[in-house]
């Protein structure tokens, strides 16, 4: 499933317990947030089915709630690069090499694109401070359904191989890429695994 809230709601339904409307609305909001209003490749049919049941209980229209959530998420213009990079940052180990991948999601990332150099500088700082081989920031444009990947660190060719695109001035755009877990981590892990001489 794409959202932990789907599993929580499912437990209510499996035990024939109807969640109070307020709880149903919160669970629905969590599902919509985690699945990017069902647009993420992590979203499953179970997420959609459970969301429909919660929608009826909460008396809330999922589409309208989803639009409000995405709009609220997109208010990133006043936040610092450090805050945005650290807000959703995860570390991975690929073939003994530590890699950090952060993600920022917005309905329209246009205001962030002009700040690319600021973000690249922040990625270099994070890489040095944490001792990471690579640091990647996914700037996910929910409306366009794709992500800009900005890169700092060593062996950018591994990211290029993973995503099938060249890095140009520290970045690339990947159409349809919205999930770190499903669309960036697996191919990058494979790229590291097939480079045995990388030490």
N, C-alpha and C. Protein backbone atom coordinates (compact mmCIF):
# COMPACT_ATOMS: atom_id res chain seq x y z
N UNK A 1 0.84 -1.20 0.00
CA UNK A 1 0.00 0.00 0.00
C UNK A 1 0.87 1.24 0.00
N UNK A 2 0.26 2.34 -0.41
CA UNK A 2 1.02 3.59 -0.48
C UNK A 2 0.99 4.38 0.81
N UNK A 3 0.11 4.03 1.74
CA UNK A 3 -0.03 4.82 2.97
C UNK A 3 -0.25 3.91 4.17
N UNK A 4 0.45 4.19 5.24
CA UNK A 4 0.25 3.45 6.49
C UNK A 4 -1.18 3.63 6.99
N UNK A 5 -1.75 4.80 6.73
CA UNK A 5 -3.12 5.06 7.17
C UNK A 5 -4.11 4.09 6.54
N UNK A 6 -3.80 3.58 5.37
CA UNK A 6 -4.66 2.56 4.74
C UNK A 6 -4.74 1.33 5.63
N UNK A 7 -3.61 0.92 6.15
CA UNK A 7 -3.56 -0.27 7.02
C UNK A 7 -4.29 -0.02 8.34
N UNK A 8 -4.16 1.19 8.87
CA UNK A 8 -4.85 1.53 10.12
C UNK A 8 -6.37 1.51 9.89
N UNK A 9 -6.81 2.15 8.82
CA UNK A 9 -8.24 2.16 8.52
C UNK A 9 -8.76 0.75 8.28
N UNK A 10 -7.96 -0.06 7.63
CA UNK A 10 -8.37 -1.44 7.33
C UNK A 10 -8.64 -2.21 8.62
N UNK A 11 -7.87 -1.92 9.66
CA UNK A 11 -8.09 -2.60 10.94
C UNK A 11 -9.45 -2.25 11.53
N UNK A 12 -9.86 -0.99 11.39
CA UNK A 12 -11.22 -0.61 11.81
C UNK A 12 -12.24 -1.48 11.09
N UNK A 13 -12.10 -1.56 9.77
CA UNK A 13 -13.11 -2.24 8.95
C UNK A 13 -13.09 -3.75 9.19
N UNK A 14 -11.89 -4.32 9.39
CA UNK A 14 -11.80 -5.76 9.64
C UNK A 14 -12.48 -6.15 10.94
N UNK A 15 -12.51 -5.23 11.90
CA UNK A 15 -13.13 -5.50 13.20
C UNK A 15 -14.53 -4.91 13.31
N UNK A 16 -15.09 -4.52 12.15
CA UNK A 16 -16.45 -3.97 12.10
C UNK A 16 -16.65 -2.79 13.04
N UNK A 17 -15.61 -1.95 13.11
CA UNK A 17 -15.69 -0.73 13.91
C UNK A 17 -15.62 0.45 12.95
N UNK A 18 -16.63 1.32 13.01
CA UNK A 18 -16.60 2.49 12.15
C UNK A 18 -15.87 3.62 12.86
N UNK A 19 -14.81 4.15 12.26
CA UNK A 19 -14.11 5.26 12.92
C UNK A 19 -14.99 6.49 12.98
N UNK A 20 -14.85 7.31 14.02
CA UNK A 20 -15.60 8.57 14.08
C UNK A 20 -15.26 9.42 12.85
N UNK A 21 -16.18 10.26 12.42
CA UNK A 21 -15.93 11.07 11.22
C UNK A 21 -14.62 11.85 11.24
N UNK A 22 -14.27 12.40 12.40
CA UNK A 22 -13.02 13.18 12.46
C UNK A 22 -11.80 12.30 12.23
N UNK A 23 -11.83 11.08 12.79
CA UNK A 23 -10.72 10.15 12.60
C UNK A 23 -10.69 9.68 11.14
N UNK A 24 -11.87 9.42 10.58
CA UNK A 24 -11.94 9.02 9.18
C UNK A 24 -11.34 10.11 8.28
N UNK A 25 -11.63 11.37 8.59
CA UNK A 25 -11.10 12.47 7.79
C UNK A 25 -9.58 12.56 7.90
N UNK A 26 -9.08 12.34 9.11
CA UNK A 26 -7.62 12.36 9.30
C UNK A 26 -6.95 11.23 8.54
N UNK A 27 -7.52 10.04 8.59
CA UNK A 27 -6.96 8.90 7.87
C UNK A 27 -7.01 9.14 6.36
N UNK A 28 -8.13 9.70 5.90
CA UNK A 28 -8.26 10.02 4.48
C UNK A 28 -7.20 11.04 4.06
N UNK A 29 -7.00 12.06 4.88
CA UNK A 29 -6.00 13.08 4.56
C UNK A 29 -4.61 12.47 4.48
N UNK A 30 -4.31 11.54 5.39
CA UNK A 30 -3.00 10.89 5.38
C UNK A 30 -2.81 10.05 4.12
N UNK A 31 -3.85 9.35 3.69
CA UNK A 31 -3.76 8.55 2.46
C UNK A 31 -3.54 9.46 1.26
N UNK A 32 -4.30 10.54 1.19
CA UNK A 32 -4.17 11.47 0.07
C UNK A 32 -2.78 12.11 0.04
N UNK A 33 -2.26 12.44 1.22
CA UNK A 33 -0.93 13.04 1.29
C UNK A 33 0.15 12.06 0.85
N UNK A 34 0.11 10.85 1.40
CA UNK A 34 1.15 9.86 1.10
C UNK A 34 1.12 9.38 -0.34
N UNK A 35 -0.05 9.37 -0.95
CA UNK A 35 -0.15 8.89 -2.34
C UNK A 35 -0.18 10.03 -3.36
N UNK A 36 0.04 11.26 -2.89
CA UNK A 36 -0.05 12.44 -3.77
C UNK A 36 -1.38 12.45 -4.51
N UNK A 37 -2.44 12.24 -3.73
CA UNK A 37 -3.81 12.19 -4.24
C UNK A 37 -3.90 11.13 -5.36
N UNK A 38 -3.39 9.95 -5.01
CA UNK A 38 -3.46 8.75 -5.86
C UNK A 38 -2.57 8.81 -7.10
N UNK A 39 -1.72 9.84 -7.22
CA UNK A 39 -0.87 9.97 -8.41
C UNK A 39 0.47 9.25 -8.27
N UNK A 40 0.86 8.94 -7.04
CA UNK A 40 2.16 8.30 -6.82
C UNK A 40 2.14 6.85 -7.30
N UNK A 41 3.26 6.38 -7.85
CA UNK A 41 3.33 4.96 -8.24
C UNK A 41 3.27 4.00 -7.05
N UNK A 42 3.41 4.53 -5.83
CA UNK A 42 3.28 3.67 -4.66
C UNK A 42 1.82 3.38 -4.33
N UNK A 43 0.90 4.13 -4.93
CA UNK A 43 -0.53 3.99 -4.62
C UNK A 43 -1.06 2.66 -5.16
N UNK A 44 -1.88 2.00 -4.34
CA UNK A 44 -2.46 0.72 -4.74
C UNK A 44 -3.99 0.83 -4.80
N UNK A 45 -4.61 -0.20 -5.34
CA UNK A 45 -6.07 -0.21 -5.39
C UNK A 45 -6.66 -0.25 -3.99
N UNK A 46 -5.93 -0.87 -3.06
CA UNK A 46 -6.40 -0.91 -1.67
C UNK A 46 -6.46 0.50 -1.08
N UNK A 47 -5.47 1.33 -1.40
CA UNK A 47 -5.50 2.73 -0.93
C UNK A 47 -6.76 3.42 -1.43
N UNK A 48 -7.08 3.23 -2.71
CA UNK A 48 -8.25 3.89 -3.30
C UNK A 48 -9.55 3.37 -2.67
N UNK A 49 -9.64 2.06 -2.48
CA UNK A 49 -10.85 1.46 -1.92
C UNK A 49 -11.10 1.95 -0.50
N UNK A 50 -10.05 1.92 0.32
CA UNK A 50 -10.17 2.37 1.71
C UNK A 50 -10.50 3.86 1.74
N UNK A 51 -9.89 4.64 0.87
CA UNK A 51 -10.16 6.08 0.83
C UNK A 51 -11.63 6.35 0.51
N UNK A 52 -12.22 5.57 -0.39
CA UNK A 52 -13.64 5.76 -0.72
C UNK A 52 -14.52 5.50 0.49
N UNK A 53 -14.19 4.48 1.27
CA UNK A 53 -14.98 4.19 2.48
C UNK A 53 -14.83 5.30 3.51
N UNK A 54 -13.61 5.79 3.67
CA UNK A 54 -13.37 6.87 4.63
C UNK A 54 -14.05 8.16 4.18
N UNK A 55 -14.06 8.40 2.90
CA UNK A 55 -14.71 9.59 2.34
C UNK A 55 -16.18 9.61 2.72
N UNK A 56 -16.84 8.46 2.61
CA UNK A 56 -18.26 8.37 2.94
C UNK A 56 -18.51 8.60 4.43
N UNK A 57 -17.64 8.05 5.26
CA UNK A 57 -17.80 8.20 6.72
C UNK A 57 -17.54 9.64 7.16
N UNK A 58 -16.48 10.22 6.58
CA UNK A 58 -16.08 11.57 7.00
C UNK A 58 -16.99 12.65 6.44
N UNK A 59 -17.72 12.33 5.37
CA UNK A 59 -18.55 13.34 4.72
C UNK A 59 -17.71 14.41 4.04
N UNK A 60 -16.55 13.98 3.55
CA UNK A 60 -15.60 14.89 2.90
C UNK A 60 -15.34 14.40 1.49
N UNK A 61 -15.29 15.32 0.54
CA UNK A 61 -14.97 14.95 -0.83
C UNK A 61 -13.45 14.81 -0.97
N UNK A 62 -12.99 13.61 -1.30
CA UNK A 62 -11.55 13.33 -1.36
C UNK A 62 -10.84 14.24 -2.35
N UNK A 63 -11.44 14.48 -3.50
CA UNK A 63 -10.79 15.31 -4.52
C UNK A 63 -10.54 16.72 -4.01
N UNK A 64 -11.54 17.30 -3.34
CA UNK A 64 -11.41 18.66 -2.81
C UNK A 64 -10.38 18.71 -1.68
N UNK A 65 -10.45 17.72 -0.79
CA UNK A 65 -9.49 17.66 0.30
C UNK A 65 -8.08 17.50 -0.25
N UNK A 66 -7.93 16.65 -1.26
CA UNK A 66 -6.63 16.44 -1.88
C UNK A 66 -6.07 17.73 -2.47
N UNK A 67 -6.91 18.50 -3.15
CA UNK A 67 -6.45 19.77 -3.72
C UNK A 67 -5.97 20.72 -2.63
N UNK A 68 -6.71 20.77 -1.52
CA UNK A 68 -6.31 21.64 -0.41
C UNK A 68 -4.98 21.20 0.21
N UNK A 69 -4.82 19.89 0.34
CA UNK A 69 -3.58 19.37 0.92
C UNK A 69 -2.38 19.68 0.04
N UNK A 70 -2.55 19.47 -1.26
CA UNK A 70 -1.45 19.73 -2.19
C UNK A 70 -1.11 21.22 -2.22
N UNK A 71 -2.14 22.06 -2.19
CA UNK A 71 -1.91 23.50 -2.19
C UNK A 71 -1.15 23.93 -0.94
N UNK A 72 -1.53 23.38 0.22
CA UNK A 72 -0.86 23.72 1.47
C UNK A 72 0.59 23.24 1.46
N UNK A 73 0.81 22.06 0.90
CA UNK A 73 2.16 21.50 0.82
C UNK A 73 3.07 22.35 -0.06
N UNK A 74 2.45 23.03 -1.03
CA UNK A 74 3.24 23.76 -2.00
C UNK A 74 3.76 25.10 -1.52
N UNK A 75 3.42 25.53 -0.32
CA UNK A 75 3.86 26.83 0.17
C UNK A 75 5.28 26.71 0.70
N UNK A 76 6.25 26.68 -0.21
CA UNK A 76 7.64 26.45 0.18
C UNK A 76 8.53 27.64 -0.12
N UNK A 77 7.97 28.70 -0.68
CA UNK A 77 8.79 29.81 -1.16
C UNK A 77 9.57 30.49 -0.04
N UNK A 78 9.02 30.53 1.15
CA UNK A 78 9.70 31.23 2.23
C UNK A 78 10.61 30.36 3.07
N UNK A 79 10.72 29.10 2.73
CA UNK A 79 11.54 28.18 3.54
C UNK A 79 12.97 28.10 3.01
N UNK A 80 13.90 27.96 3.91
CA UNK A 80 15.31 27.91 3.52
C UNK A 80 15.63 26.59 2.83
N UNK A 81 16.72 26.60 2.08
CA UNK A 81 17.17 25.38 1.41
C UNK A 81 17.47 24.29 2.44
N UNK A 82 18.10 24.67 3.53
CA UNK A 82 18.43 23.68 4.57
C UNK A 82 17.17 23.04 5.13
N UNK A 83 16.17 23.86 5.42
CA UNK A 83 14.91 23.35 5.97
C UNK A 83 14.25 22.38 5.00
N UNK A 84 14.22 22.75 3.72
CA UNK A 84 13.55 21.89 2.73
C UNK A 84 14.32 20.60 2.51
N UNK A 85 15.64 20.66 2.47
CA UNK A 85 16.43 19.44 2.27
C UNK A 85 16.28 18.50 3.47
N UNK A 86 16.27 19.06 4.67
CA UNK A 86 16.23 18.22 5.87
C UNK A 86 14.83 17.74 6.23
N UNK A 87 13.79 18.34 5.63
CA UNK A 87 12.42 18.02 6.04
C UNK A 87 12.01 16.60 5.66
N UNK A 88 12.54 16.08 4.58
CA UNK A 88 12.23 14.69 4.17
C UNK A 88 13.50 14.08 3.59
N UNK A 89 14.43 13.75 4.48
CA UNK A 89 15.76 13.27 4.09
C UNK A 89 15.95 11.85 4.60
N UNK A 90 16.35 10.96 3.72
CA UNK A 90 16.59 9.58 4.12
C UNK A 90 17.96 9.13 3.63
N UNK A 91 18.62 8.34 4.46
CA UNK A 91 19.92 7.78 4.09
C UNK A 91 19.78 6.32 3.69
N UNK A 92 20.58 5.92 2.70
CA UNK A 92 20.60 4.55 2.21
C UNK A 92 22.05 4.11 2.09
N UNK A 93 22.27 2.80 2.13
CA UNK A 93 23.60 2.25 1.92
C UNK A 93 23.54 1.33 0.71
N UNK A 94 24.30 1.67 -0.31
CA UNK A 94 24.36 0.90 -1.54
C UNK A 94 25.78 0.36 -1.70
N UNK A 95 25.93 -0.94 -1.60
CA UNK A 95 27.25 -1.54 -1.76
C UNK A 95 28.29 -0.96 -0.82
N UNK A 96 27.88 -0.65 0.39
CA UNK A 96 28.79 -0.10 1.38
C UNK A 96 28.97 1.40 1.31
N UNK A 97 28.28 2.06 0.37
CA UNK A 97 28.39 3.51 0.20
C UNK A 97 27.12 4.19 0.69
N UNK A 98 27.28 5.21 1.52
CA UNK A 98 26.13 5.91 2.08
C UNK A 98 25.69 7.04 1.15
N UNK A 99 24.38 7.03 0.87
CA UNK A 99 23.79 8.00 -0.04
C UNK A 99 22.59 8.63 0.65
N UNK A 100 22.44 9.94 0.53
CA UNK A 100 21.28 10.63 1.07
C UNK A 100 20.37 11.09 -0.05
N UNK A 101 19.07 10.86 0.12
CA UNK A 101 18.10 11.30 -0.88
C UNK A 101 17.00 12.08 -0.16
N UNK A 102 16.86 13.35 -0.51
CA UNK A 102 15.82 14.20 0.05
C UNK A 102 14.75 14.41 -1.00
N UNK A 103 13.55 14.76 -0.55
CA UNK A 103 12.47 15.03 -1.49
C UNK A 103 11.64 16.21 -1.02
N UNK A 104 11.35 17.10 -1.97
CA UNK A 104 10.44 18.22 -1.76
C UNK A 104 9.35 18.09 -2.81
N UNK A 105 8.09 18.19 -2.38
CA UNK A 105 6.97 18.06 -3.31
C UNK A 105 6.16 19.35 -3.29
N UNK A 106 5.74 19.79 -4.47
CA UNK A 106 4.91 20.99 -4.58
C UNK A 106 4.03 20.87 -5.81
N UNK A 107 2.87 21.54 -5.80
CA UNK A 107 2.00 21.49 -6.98
C UNK A 107 2.64 22.15 -8.19
N UNK A 108 3.55 23.08 -7.95
CA UNK A 108 4.28 23.75 -9.03
C UNK A 108 5.64 24.16 -8.45
N UNK A 109 6.71 23.59 -8.98
CA UNK A 109 8.04 23.83 -8.40
C UNK A 109 8.76 25.01 -9.04
N UNK A 110 8.09 25.75 -9.91
CA UNK A 110 8.72 26.86 -10.61
C UNK A 110 9.47 27.81 -9.67
N UNK A 111 8.89 28.20 -8.50
CA UNK A 111 9.62 29.10 -7.62
C UNK A 111 10.94 28.52 -7.09
N UNK A 112 11.04 27.19 -7.06
CA UNK A 112 12.25 26.56 -6.55
C UNK A 112 13.35 26.46 -7.61
N UNK A 113 12.96 26.43 -8.88
CA UNK A 113 13.94 26.20 -9.94
C UNK A 113 14.98 27.31 -9.99
N UNK A 114 14.59 28.53 -9.69
CA UNK A 114 15.54 29.65 -9.73
C UNK A 114 16.53 29.58 -8.57
N UNK A 115 16.27 28.70 -7.60
CA UNK A 115 17.14 28.57 -6.43
C UNK A 115 18.05 27.34 -6.52
N UNK A 116 18.21 26.80 -7.73
CA UNK A 116 18.96 25.55 -7.87
C UNK A 116 20.37 25.65 -7.28
N UNK A 117 21.09 26.72 -7.56
CA UNK A 117 22.46 26.83 -7.04
C UNK A 117 22.48 26.86 -5.52
N UNK A 118 21.48 27.49 -4.93
CA UNK A 118 21.36 27.50 -3.46
C UNK A 118 21.18 26.08 -2.94
N UNK A 119 20.33 25.30 -3.62
CA UNK A 119 20.10 23.92 -3.19
C UNK A 119 21.34 23.05 -3.43
N UNK A 120 22.02 23.24 -4.55
CA UNK A 120 23.24 22.46 -4.81
C UNK A 120 24.30 22.74 -3.76
N UNK A 121 24.41 23.99 -3.34
CA UNK A 121 25.35 24.34 -2.27
C UNK A 121 24.98 23.65 -0.97
N UNK A 122 23.68 23.60 -0.68
CA UNK A 122 23.22 22.92 0.53
C UNK A 122 23.49 21.43 0.45
N UNK A 123 23.30 20.82 -0.73
CA UNK A 123 23.58 19.39 -0.89
C UNK A 123 25.07 19.10 -0.67
N UNK A 124 25.93 19.97 -1.15
CA UNK A 124 27.37 19.79 -0.93
C UNK A 124 27.70 19.87 0.56
N UNK A 125 27.05 20.81 1.26
CA UNK A 125 27.26 20.93 2.71
C UNK A 125 26.84 19.66 3.42
N UNK A 126 25.65 19.15 3.09
CA UNK A 126 25.14 17.93 3.72
C UNK A 126 26.08 16.76 3.45
N UNK A 127 26.54 16.64 2.20
CA UNK A 127 27.44 15.55 1.84
C UNK A 127 28.71 15.59 2.68
N UNK A 128 29.29 16.78 2.85
CA UNK A 128 30.52 16.92 3.63
C UNK A 128 30.29 16.66 5.11
N UNK A 129 29.21 17.22 5.65
CA UNK A 129 28.95 17.08 7.08
C UNK A 129 28.62 15.66 7.48
N UNK A 130 27.88 14.95 6.64
CA UNK A 130 27.44 13.61 6.99
C UNK A 130 28.36 12.52 6.43
N UNK A 131 29.35 12.91 5.64
CA UNK A 131 30.26 11.94 5.06
C UNK A 131 29.59 11.02 4.05
N UNK A 132 28.70 11.58 3.24
CA UNK A 132 27.95 10.79 2.26
C UNK A 132 28.64 10.84 0.90
N UNK A 133 28.62 9.72 0.19
CA UNK A 133 29.20 9.68 -1.15
C UNK A 133 28.38 10.51 -2.13
N UNK A 134 27.08 10.46 -1.98
CA UNK A 134 26.19 11.21 -2.85
C UNK A 134 25.04 11.78 -2.04
N UNK A 135 24.56 12.95 -2.46
CA UNK A 135 23.33 13.50 -1.92
C UNK A 135 22.48 13.96 -3.10
N UNK A 136 21.23 13.55 -3.11
CA UNK A 136 20.32 13.85 -4.21
C UNK A 136 19.08 14.51 -3.62
N UNK A 137 18.63 15.55 -4.28
CA UNK A 137 17.37 16.18 -3.91
C UNK A 137 16.37 15.97 -5.05
N UNK A 138 15.25 15.34 -4.73
CA UNK A 138 14.14 15.21 -5.67
C UNK A 138 13.21 16.41 -5.48
N UNK A 139 13.08 17.22 -6.49
CA UNK A 139 12.14 18.34 -6.45
C UNK A 139 10.96 17.91 -7.32
N UNK A 140 9.92 17.40 -6.65
CA UNK A 140 8.82 16.75 -7.35
C UNK A 140 7.70 17.74 -7.66
N UNK A 141 7.41 17.87 -8.94
CA UNK A 141 6.35 18.74 -9.43
C UNK A 141 5.08 17.90 -9.56
N UNK A 142 4.18 18.04 -8.60
CA UNK A 142 2.98 17.20 -8.56
C UNK A 142 2.09 17.46 -9.77
N UNK A 143 1.97 18.73 -10.15
CA UNK A 143 1.13 19.07 -11.28
C UNK A 143 1.66 18.52 -12.59
N UNK A 144 2.95 18.58 -12.76
CA UNK A 144 3.59 18.10 -14.00
C UNK A 144 3.86 16.60 -13.97
N UNK A 145 3.80 16.01 -12.78
CA UNK A 145 4.05 14.58 -12.58
C UNK A 145 5.45 14.17 -13.03
N UNK A 146 6.43 14.82 -12.42
CA UNK A 146 7.82 14.50 -12.69
C UNK A 146 8.69 15.14 -11.63
N UNK A 147 9.99 14.83 -11.67
CA UNK A 147 10.90 15.36 -10.65
C UNK A 147 12.20 15.86 -11.28
N UNK A 148 12.68 16.97 -10.73
CA UNK A 148 14.04 17.41 -10.99
C UNK A 148 14.91 16.70 -9.96
N UNK A 149 16.02 16.12 -10.39
CA UNK A 149 16.96 15.50 -9.47
C UNK A 149 18.22 16.36 -9.47
N UNK A 150 18.56 16.91 -8.31
CA UNK A 150 19.76 17.73 -8.16
C UNK A 150 20.76 16.94 -7.35
N UNK A 151 22.02 16.99 -7.75
CA UNK A 151 23.03 16.04 -7.29
C UNK A 151 24.28 16.74 -6.77
N UNK A 152 24.85 16.18 -5.69
CA UNK A 152 26.16 16.60 -5.19
C UNK A 152 26.89 15.35 -4.72
N UNK A 153 28.21 15.34 -4.88
CA UNK A 153 28.99 14.20 -4.41
C UNK A 153 29.83 13.58 -5.51
N UNK A 154 30.09 12.29 -5.34
CA UNK A 154 30.98 11.56 -6.24
C UNK A 154 30.20 10.67 -7.21
N UNK A 155 30.82 10.41 -8.32
CA UNK A 155 30.32 9.46 -9.30
C UNK A 155 28.89 9.76 -9.75
N UNK A 156 28.71 10.94 -10.30
CA UNK A 156 27.42 11.29 -10.86
C UNK A 156 27.01 10.38 -12.00
N UNK A 157 28.00 9.69 -12.59
CA UNK A 157 27.68 8.77 -13.68
C UNK A 157 26.79 7.62 -13.21
N UNK A 158 26.85 7.30 -11.91
CA UNK A 158 25.99 6.23 -11.40
C UNK A 158 24.53 6.66 -11.40
N UNK A 159 24.28 7.93 -11.04
CA UNK A 159 22.92 8.45 -11.11
C UNK A 159 22.46 8.54 -12.56
N UNK A 160 23.36 8.95 -13.44
CA UNK A 160 23.02 9.01 -14.86
C UNK A 160 22.63 7.63 -15.39
N UNK A 161 23.41 6.63 -15.01
CA UNK A 161 23.10 5.27 -15.45
C UNK A 161 21.76 4.80 -14.87
N UNK A 162 21.54 5.12 -13.60
CA UNK A 162 20.31 4.68 -12.93
C UNK A 162 19.07 5.28 -13.58
N UNK A 163 19.15 6.56 -13.93
CA UNK A 163 17.96 7.25 -14.42
C UNK A 163 17.91 7.35 -15.95
N UNK A 164 19.00 6.94 -16.61
CA UNK A 164 19.01 6.94 -18.08
C UNK A 164 19.03 8.33 -18.69
N UNK A 165 19.63 9.30 -17.95
CA UNK A 165 19.68 10.68 -18.43
C UNK A 165 20.99 11.31 -17.99
N UNK A 166 21.47 12.30 -18.74
CA UNK A 166 22.71 12.96 -18.33
C UNK A 166 22.45 14.02 -17.26
N UNK A 167 23.43 14.21 -16.41
CA UNK A 167 23.41 15.33 -15.47
C UNK A 167 23.92 16.56 -16.21
N UNK A 168 23.16 17.63 -16.18
CA UNK A 168 23.56 18.87 -16.81
C UNK A 168 23.59 19.94 -15.73
N UNK A 169 24.78 20.45 -15.45
CA UNK A 169 24.97 21.44 -14.39
C UNK A 169 24.37 20.97 -13.07
N UNK A 170 24.63 19.72 -12.76
CA UNK A 170 24.22 19.17 -11.47
C UNK A 170 22.79 18.72 -11.36
N UNK A 171 22.08 18.64 -12.48
CA UNK A 171 20.68 18.24 -12.39
C UNK A 171 20.14 17.56 -13.63
N UNK A 172 18.96 16.99 -13.49
CA UNK A 172 18.24 16.37 -14.60
C UNK A 172 16.75 16.41 -14.28
N UNK A 173 15.93 16.34 -15.31
CA UNK A 173 14.49 16.22 -15.11
C UNK A 173 14.05 14.84 -15.57
N UNK A 174 13.24 14.15 -14.73
CA UNK A 174 12.77 12.81 -15.07
C UNK A 174 11.25 12.80 -15.09
N UNK A 175 10.71 12.72 -16.29
CA UNK A 175 9.26 12.68 -16.47
C UNK A 175 8.67 11.44 -15.79
N UNK A 176 7.58 11.62 -15.07
CA UNK A 176 6.88 10.50 -14.44
C UNK A 176 7.51 10.01 -13.15
N UNK A 177 8.62 10.59 -12.74
CA UNK A 177 9.31 10.15 -11.52
C UNK A 177 8.75 10.91 -10.32
N UNK A 178 8.08 10.19 -9.42
CA UNK A 178 7.47 10.84 -8.27
C UNK A 178 7.78 10.11 -6.96
N UNK A 179 8.30 8.90 -7.05
CA UNK A 179 8.51 8.09 -5.85
C UNK A 179 9.99 7.81 -5.63
N UNK A 180 10.51 8.27 -4.52
CA UNK A 180 11.89 7.94 -4.14
C UNK A 180 12.04 6.44 -3.96
N UNK A 181 11.09 5.86 -3.24
CA UNK A 181 11.16 4.44 -2.88
C UNK A 181 11.12 3.51 -4.08
N UNK A 182 10.28 3.82 -5.06
CA UNK A 182 10.08 2.91 -6.18
C UNK A 182 10.85 3.28 -7.44
N UNK A 183 11.15 4.56 -7.62
CA UNK A 183 11.69 4.99 -8.91
C UNK A 183 13.12 5.53 -8.88
N UNK A 184 13.65 5.81 -7.69
CA UNK A 184 15.02 6.30 -7.60
C UNK A 184 15.91 5.30 -6.87
N UNK A 185 15.48 4.84 -5.71
CA UNK A 185 16.31 3.95 -4.91
C UNK A 185 16.66 2.64 -5.65
N UNK A 186 15.68 1.91 -6.21
CA UNK A 186 16.05 0.62 -6.85
C UNK A 186 17.05 0.76 -8.01
N UNK A 187 16.85 1.68 -8.98
CA UNK A 187 17.84 1.75 -10.06
C UNK A 187 19.20 2.27 -9.60
N UNK A 188 19.21 3.15 -8.59
CA UNK A 188 20.49 3.65 -8.09
C UNK A 188 21.23 2.54 -7.34
N UNK A 189 20.50 1.77 -6.57
CA UNK A 189 21.11 0.62 -5.88
C UNK A 189 21.71 -0.35 -6.90
N UNK A 190 21.00 -0.58 -7.99
CA UNK A 190 21.49 -1.47 -9.04
C UNK A 190 22.75 -0.90 -9.70
N UNK A 191 22.78 0.41 -9.91
CA UNK A 191 23.95 1.04 -10.52
C UNK A 191 25.18 0.88 -9.63
N UNK A 192 25.02 1.03 -8.32
CA UNK A 192 26.13 0.81 -7.40
C UNK A 192 26.55 -0.65 -7.41
N UNK A 193 25.57 -1.56 -7.44
CA UNK A 193 25.86 -3.00 -7.38
C UNK A 193 26.64 -3.47 -8.60
N UNK A 194 26.46 -2.82 -9.73
CA UNK A 194 27.13 -3.26 -10.95
C UNK A 194 28.40 -2.46 -11.22
N UNK A 195 28.90 -1.77 -10.18
CA UNK A 195 30.15 -1.05 -10.28
C UNK A 195 31.08 -1.54 -9.17
N UNK A 196 31.58 -2.78 -9.29
CA UNK A 196 32.33 -3.39 -8.19
C UNK A 196 33.65 -2.69 -7.86
N UNK A 197 34.22 -1.95 -8.80
CA UNK A 197 35.51 -1.32 -8.55
C UNK A 197 35.38 0.03 -7.86
N UNK A 198 34.15 0.45 -7.60
CA UNK A 198 33.96 1.75 -6.95
C UNK A 198 34.31 1.63 -5.48
N UNK A 199 35.39 2.28 -5.04
CA UNK A 199 35.82 2.20 -3.64
C UNK A 199 35.97 3.61 -3.07
